[in-house]
Protein backbone atom coordinates (compact mmCIF):
# COMPACT_ATOMS: atom_id res chain seq x y z
CA UNK A 1 1.76 19.20 16.07
CA UNK A 2 -1.17 17.72 14.27
CA UNK A 3 -2.38 14.17 14.29
CA UNK A 4 -4.57 13.39 11.29
CA UNK A 5 -5.42 10.33 8.93
CA UNK A 6 -4.57 9.94 5.23
CA UNK A 7 -4.31 7.48 2.49
CA UNK A 8 -1.66 6.10 -0.03
CA UNK A 9 -2.32 6.86 -3.65
CA UNK A 10 -0.32 5.83 -6.61
CA UNK A 11 2.01 8.56 -8.09
CA UNK A 12 0.83 9.39 -11.56
CA UNK A 13 4.16 8.73 -13.17
CA UNK A 14 4.58 5.42 -11.51
CA UNK A 15 1.41 3.87 -12.90
CA UNK A 16 0.72 1.62 -16.13
CA UNK A 17 -2.78 0.94 -17.21
CA UNK A 18 -3.12 -2.30 -19.25
CA UNK A 19 -6.07 -2.17 -21.75
CA UNK A 20 -7.73 -4.70 -24.01
CA UNK A 21 -6.63 -4.82 -27.70
CA UNK A 22 -9.78 -6.45 -28.87
CA UNK A 23 -13.44 -6.98 -27.91
CA UNK A 24 -14.47 -10.09 -26.21
CA UNK A 25 -14.86 -11.97 -22.84
CA UNK A 26 -12.22 -11.40 -20.16
CA UNK A 27 -10.46 -14.34 -18.47
CA UNK A 28 -8.34 -12.96 -15.72
CA UNK A 29 -5.06 -14.46 -14.74
CA UNK A 30 -5.77 -16.68 -11.64
CA UNK A 31 -2.83 -15.03 -9.74
CA UNK A 32 -4.02 -11.57 -10.56
CA UNK A 33 -4.97 -9.98 -7.35
CA UNK A 34 -4.38 -6.46 -5.90
CA UNK A 35 -0.87 -6.41 -4.28
CA UNK A 36 0.45 -9.14 -6.45
CA UNK A 37 3.96 -8.55 -8.00
CA UNK A 38 4.17 -8.87 -11.72
CA UNK A 39 7.15 -8.53 -14.19
CA UNK A 40 7.20 -6.86 -17.44
CA UNK A 41 5.50 -8.83 -20.16
CA UNK A 42 3.44 -10.76 -17.66
CA UNK A 43 0.09 -11.76 -19.03
CA UNK A 44 -2.75 -10.30 -16.91
CA UNK A 45 -5.72 -11.52 -18.90
CA UNK A 46 -6.83 -12.99 -22.14
CA UNK A 47 -9.81 -11.84 -24.25
CA UNK A 48 -11.79 -14.48 -26.10
CA UNK A 49 -13.91 -13.46 -29.01
CA UNK A 50 -14.87 -16.95 -30.35
CA UNK A 51 -18.53 -17.75 -30.84
CA UNK A 52 -19.40 -14.08 -30.59
CA UNK A 53 -21.36 -11.99 -33.16
CA UNK A 54 -18.85 -10.79 -35.75
CA UNK A 55 -16.25 -13.54 -35.07
CA UNK A 56 -12.97 -13.49 -33.51
CA UNK A 57 -10.92 -10.52 -34.94
CA UNK A 58 -7.60 -12.48 -34.33
CA UNK A 59 -8.92 -15.36 -36.40
CA UNK A 60 -10.24 -13.14 -39.14
CA UNK A 61 -6.89 -11.18 -39.37
CA UNK A 62 -5.05 -14.50 -39.58
CA UNK A 63 -7.27 -15.72 -42.39
CA UNK A 64 -6.95 -12.49 -44.26
CA UNK A 65 -3.14 -12.76 -43.97
CA UNK A 66 -3.16 -16.39 -45.24
CA UNK A 67 -5.34 -15.51 -48.18
CA UNK A 68 -3.09 -12.55 -49.09
CA UNK A 69 0.01 -14.87 -48.81
CA UNK A 70 -1.53 -17.51 -51.12
CA UNK A 71 -2.31 -14.68 -53.75
CA UNK A 72 1.25 -13.49 -53.49
CA UNK A 73 2.71 -16.90 -53.78
CA UNK A 74 0.56 -17.54 -56.83
CA UNK A 75 1.38 -14.30 -58.58
CA UNK A 76 5.28 -14.32 -57.86
CA UNK A 77 6.35 -16.96 -60.49
CA UNK A 78 3.92 -15.54 -62.99
CA UNK A 79 5.61 -12.04 -62.52
CA UNK A 80 9.04 -13.63 -63.05
CA UNK A 81 7.76 -15.14 -66.32
CA UNK A 82 6.24 -11.76 -67.35
CA UNK A 83 2.86 -13.24 -67.41
CA UNK A 84 1.66 -10.76 -64.65
CA UNK A 85 2.60 -7.10 -64.65
CA UNK A 86 4.78 -5.49 -62.03
CA UNK A 87 1.85 -3.31 -60.98
CA UNK A 88 -0.24 -6.44 -60.19
CA UNK A 89 2.64 -8.07 -58.36
CA UNK A 90 3.34 -4.89 -56.21
CA UNK A 91 -0.43 -4.80 -55.42
CA UNK A 92 -0.42 -8.32 -54.13
CA UNK A 93 2.73 -7.70 -52.12
CA UNK A 94 1.27 -4.57 -50.49
CA UNK A 95 -2.00 -6.51 -49.61
CA UNK A 96 0.07 -9.27 -47.97
CA UNK A 97 2.11 -6.66 -45.97
CA UNK A 98 -0.97 -4.93 -44.70
CA UNK A 99 -2.66 -8.24 -43.68
CA UNK A 100 0.54 -9.28 -41.92
CA UNK A 101 0.77 -6.05 -40.00
CA UNK A 102 -2.86 -6.23 -38.93
CA UNK A 103 -2.31 -9.73 -37.65
CA UNK A 104 1.12 -9.46 -35.97
CA UNK A 105 0.83 -12.86 -34.21
CA UNK A 106 -1.81 -15.21 -32.95
CA UNK A 107 -1.87 -13.76 -29.48
CA UNK A 108 -1.52 -10.00 -30.25
CA UNK A 109 -5.09 -9.10 -29.60
CA UNK A 110 -6.19 -11.65 -27.10
CA UNK A 111 -3.54 -11.14 -24.47
CA UNK A 112 -3.43 -8.18 -22.00
CA UNK A 113 0.16 -7.73 -20.71
CA UNK A 114 2.00 -5.49 -18.41
CA UNK A 115 4.58 -3.14 -19.91
CA UNK A 116 6.38 -2.63 -16.50
CA UNK A 117 7.38 -4.60 -13.50
CA UNK A 118 5.57 -3.53 -10.33
CA UNK A 119 2.62 -4.23 -8.13
CA UNK A 120 -1.00 -4.76 -9.26
CA UNK A 121 -3.05 -1.77 -7.69
CA UNK A 122 -6.42 -2.18 -9.29
CA UNK A 123 -8.43 -4.70 -11.21
CA UNK A 124 -11.03 -2.85 -13.22
CA UNK A 125 -13.05 -5.69 -14.68
CA UNK A 126 -14.48 -8.97 -13.44
CA UNK A 127 -13.64 -12.39 -14.78
CA UNK A 128 -16.18 -13.15 -17.57
CA UNK A 129 -16.98 -9.54 -18.37
CA UNK A 130 -17.42 -8.37 -21.89
CA UNK A 131 -15.21 -5.62 -22.96
CA UNK A 132 -14.53 -3.51 -25.98
CA UNK A 133 -11.23 -2.81 -27.52
CA UNK A 134 -9.39 -0.13 -25.40
CA UNK A 135 -11.17 -1.03 -22.23
CA UNK A 136 -8.91 -0.65 -19.12
CA UNK A 137 -8.27 -4.08 -17.46
CA UNK A 138 -5.85 -3.44 -14.62
CA UNK A 139 -3.37 -0.90 -13.33
CA UNK A 140 0.23 -1.82 -12.34
CA UNK A 141 2.60 0.62 -10.31
CA UNK A 142 6.21 0.44 -10.06
CA UNK A 143 5.83 0.68 -6.46
CA UNK A 144 8.82 3.18 -6.08
CA UNK A 145 6.96 6.30 -5.55
CA UNK A 146 3.54 7.13 -3.98
CA UNK A 147 1.40 10.12 -3.17
CA UNK A 148 0.46 10.51 0.50
CA UNK A 149 -2.74 12.36 1.11
CA UNK A 150 -3.15 13.97 4.54
CA UNK A 151 -6.68 15.17 5.36
CA UNK A 152 -5.93 18.24 7.30
CA UNK A 153 -8.62 20.22 9.20
CA UNK A 154 -8.74 23.82 7.54
CA UNK A 155 -8.59 25.53 10.91
CA UNK A 156 -5.12 24.02 11.42
CA UNK A 157 -3.54 24.96 8.06
CA UNK A 158 -2.15 28.18 9.41
CA UNK A 159 -0.15 26.26 12.11
CA UNK A 160 1.63 24.17 9.49
CA UNK A 161 4.95 25.66 8.46
CA UNK A 162 6.77 25.19 5.16
CA UNK A 163 9.48 23.30 6.73
CA UNK A 164 7.20 20.52 7.95
CA UNK A 165 8.43 17.31 9.66
CA UNK A 166 6.57 14.47 11.17
CA UNK A 167 6.03 10.63 11.18
CA UNK A 168 3.69 8.34 9.45
CA UNK A 169 2.23 4.93 10.74
CA UNK A 170 0.77 2.76 7.86
CA UNK A 171 -2.05 0.49 8.91
CA UNK A 172 -0.77 -3.13 9.18
CA UNK A 173 2.83 -2.06 9.56
CA UNK A 174 4.10 -2.17 12.92
CA UNK A 175 6.52 0.75 12.92
CA UNK A 176 6.56 4.51 12.23
CA UNK A 177 8.54 6.25 9.42
CA UNK A 178 9.79 9.82 9.50
CA UNK A 179 8.79 12.11 6.65
CA UNK A 180 12.50 12.62 6.04
CA UNK A 181 13.10 8.88 5.76
CA UNK A 182 10.35 8.78 3.11
CA UNK A 183 12.05 11.50 1.15
CA UNK A 184 8.71 13.28 1.40
CA UNK A 185 8.24 16.39 -0.71
CA UNK A 186 5.21 18.53 -0.04
CA UNK A 187 3.03 19.40 -3.00
CA UNK A 188 1.17 22.72 -3.30
CA UNK A 189 -2.34 22.86 -1.66
CA UNK A 190 -5.29 23.75 -3.72
CA UNK A 191 -8.34 25.27 -2.00
CA UNK A 192 -10.50 23.98 -4.91
CA UNK A 193 -9.91 20.49 -3.48
CA UNK A 194 -11.25 21.33 -0.10
CA UNK A 195 -13.73 18.68 1.22
CA UNK A 196 -16.03 20.18 3.68
CA UNK A 197 -13.85 21.20 6.81
CA UNK A 198 -10.87 19.33 5.46
CA UNK A 199 -8.09 20.21 3.05
CA UNK A 200 -6.16 17.29 1.42
CA UNK A 201 -2.36 18.00 1.77
CA UNK A 202 -0.28 15.88 -0.71
CA UNK A 203 3.32 14.59 -0.26
CA UNK A 204 5.38 12.49 -2.82
CA UNK A 205 7.08 9.75 -0.99
CA UNK A 206 9.49 6.91 -1.72
CA UNK A 207 8.81 3.32 -0.79
CA UNK A 208 10.43 2.75 2.74
CA UNK A 209 12.25 -0.43 1.79
CA UNK A 210 12.45 -2.96 -1.07
CA UNK A 211 10.78 -5.60 1.13
CA UNK A 212 7.94 -3.47 2.21
CA UNK A 213 5.07 -3.09 -0.10
CA UNK A 214 2.81 -0.03 0.19
CA UNK A 215 -0.49 -0.57 -1.68
CA UNK A 216 -2.73 2.29 -2.99
CA UNK A 217 -5.72 2.57 -0.69
CA UNK A 218 -3.69 1.64 2.43
CA UNK A 219 -4.60 4.12 5.24
CA UNK A 220 -2.21 5.88 7.62
CA UNK A 221 -1.89 7.86 10.67
CA UNK A 222 0.06 11.12 10.02
CA UNK A 223 1.67 13.19 12.66
CA UNK A 224 2.72 16.59 11.21
CA UNK A 225 4.99 18.95 13.01
CA UNK A 226 4.99 22.63 11.84
CA UNK A 227 7.40 25.36 12.57
CA UNK A 228 7.94 26.35 16.35
CA UNK A 229 6.58 22.98 17.84
CA UNK A 230 8.33 22.65 21.22
CA UNK A 231 7.60 19.83 23.66
CA UNK A 232 8.95 19.94 27.05
CA UNK A 233 9.32 16.27 28.08
CA UNK A 234 8.79 13.28 25.84
CA UNK A 235 9.14 9.53 26.17
CA UNK A 236 8.83 6.67 23.61
CA UNK A 237 5.22 5.51 23.10
CA UNK A 238 6.43 1.94 23.77
CA UNK A 239 7.34 3.02 27.43
CA UNK A 240 3.74 3.80 28.35
CA UNK A 241 1.38 1.21 29.75
CA UNK A 242 -2.25 1.57 29.39
CA UNK A 243 -4.51 -0.09 32.10
CA UNK A 244 -8.31 0.50 32.34
CA UNK A 245 -8.08 3.99 30.79
CA UNK A 246 -5.03 5.07 32.78
CA UNK A 247 -1.53 5.52 31.85
CA UNK A 248 1.64 4.57 33.57
CA UNK A 249 5.45 4.27 33.18
CA UNK A 250 7.82 2.27 35.20
CA UNK A 251 10.51 4.44 37.00
CA UNK A 252 13.66 2.88 38.26
CA UNK A 253 14.33 3.55 41.97
CA UNK A 254 17.44 1.51 42.25
CA UNK A 255 19.20 -1.37 40.41
CA UNK A 256 16.51 -3.91 41.30
CA UNK A 257 13.39 -1.80 42.20
CA UNK A 258 10.86 -0.16 39.78
CA UNK A 259 7.81 2.06 40.72
CA UNK A 260 4.61 2.08 38.61
CA UNK A 261 4.00 5.80 38.16
CA UNK A 262 0.69 7.25 36.69
CA UNK A 263 1.32 9.95 34.12
CA UNK A 264 -0.84 12.40 32.01
CA UNK A 265 -0.12 12.20 28.44
CA UNK A 266 -0.09 15.17 25.76
CA UNK A 267 0.43 15.04 22.17
CA UNK A 268 2.38 12.39 20.29
CA UNK A 269 4.04 12.18 17.02
CA UNK A 270 3.56 8.38 16.37
CA UNK A 271 6.94 7.55 17.96
CA UNK A 272 7.26 9.69 21.07
CA UNK A 273 4.56 11.06 23.38
CA UNK A 274 4.56 14.25 25.57
CA UNK A 275 4.33 13.79 29.41
CA UNK A 276 2.32 16.55 30.95
CA UNK A 277 2.62 15.38 34.58
CA UNK A 278 3.91 12.44 36.64
CA UNK A 279 7.54 12.35 35.41
CA UNK A 280 10.57 14.39 35.91
CA UNK A 281 13.47 15.01 33.52
CA UNK A 282 16.41 12.73 34.22
CA UNK A 283 14.38 9.79 35.64
CA UNK A 284 15.20 6.36 34.37
CA UNK A 285 12.15 4.42 32.88
CA UNK A 286 11.41 1.07 31.25
CA UNK A 287 11.25 1.83 27.46
CA UNK A 288 10.63 -1.52 25.94
CA UNK A 289 9.12 -4.95 26.52
CA UNK A 290 5.95 -3.78 28.18
CA UNK A 291 4.26 -7.04 27.82
CA UNK A 292 6.92 -8.89 29.81
CA UNK A 293 6.91 -6.06 32.51
CA UNK A 294 3.19 -6.54 32.93
CA UNK A 295 3.50 -10.30 33.23
CA UNK A 296 6.22 -9.68 35.75
CA UNK A 297 4.10 -7.28 37.69
CA UNK A 298 1.33 -9.76 37.89
CA UNK A 299 3.86 -12.22 39.40
CA UNK A 300 5.13 -9.70 41.92
CA UNK A 301 8.52 -8.86 40.15
CA UNK A 302 9.61 -6.53 37.46
CA UNK A 303 12.48 -7.85 35.25
CA UNK A 304 15.79 -6.21 35.22
CA UNK A 305 17.57 -4.79 32.26
CA UNK A 306 14.80 -2.75 30.70
CA UNK A 307 15.98 0.63 31.61
CA UNK A 308 16.86 3.78 29.53
CA UNK A 309 18.07 7.11 30.53
CA UNK A 310 16.05 10.42 29.63
């Protein structure tokens, strides 16, 4: 079993990059922050070209369209009276349609919108920046799938089997998730991506639940179990108390009496920990509410009702 660290990355198929359609000064939406939820069609930023050299392209497109419309309006009755040829009329109509297509609405070039509903993962410009047309402004992820990168020491790669299991603890989330519960699928390793003594191992994972947001860049503790891992005696991590560098569990002696027992810890998978010494199979121990046990211990009494059989 291997304990390593990693990071959450966006799955490539899950991400939309919003870009500027025109050149100008960026004004970001005041609610645009990494981790914010946005809906499809939401305005992420506006681009203002007024007062700049070359003028506002949106305004110029609008003026061109209006000039073409006036010319078409002027020539239409003359064409009906055979004063203007069909060729001239068709040319005026084509000029108007081209100008109309180029304009496509007063806000078409000034608004940067999200094409999907999801989570803002990156803001790529600062408020007040000048950008050219096509500049990426922000990325939005659907938040349904992610890539989990585990940085595995190269010397341990041979110990990791194809049928890998394990657990993940995301920083800031007070619980562990099994790789199975995340529907994790291991991707092929590529030695060309090796970074020093570490090889990145990638998994595609699903979001754990609808009300739990994972954000790209979030770090994680990853506990990988390869083929053939076999631990002799394990207890929940929550049952172990740490005091001044030493570790203890509380063993039930009878219905009302508990003994504070020192133990030596081995490996852990983020949920359970191996006990190397100090505990025997079949002993009853306290498996939860350690803060209350410690408080009761300081008062000379350990509370009842916190036992569990192993």
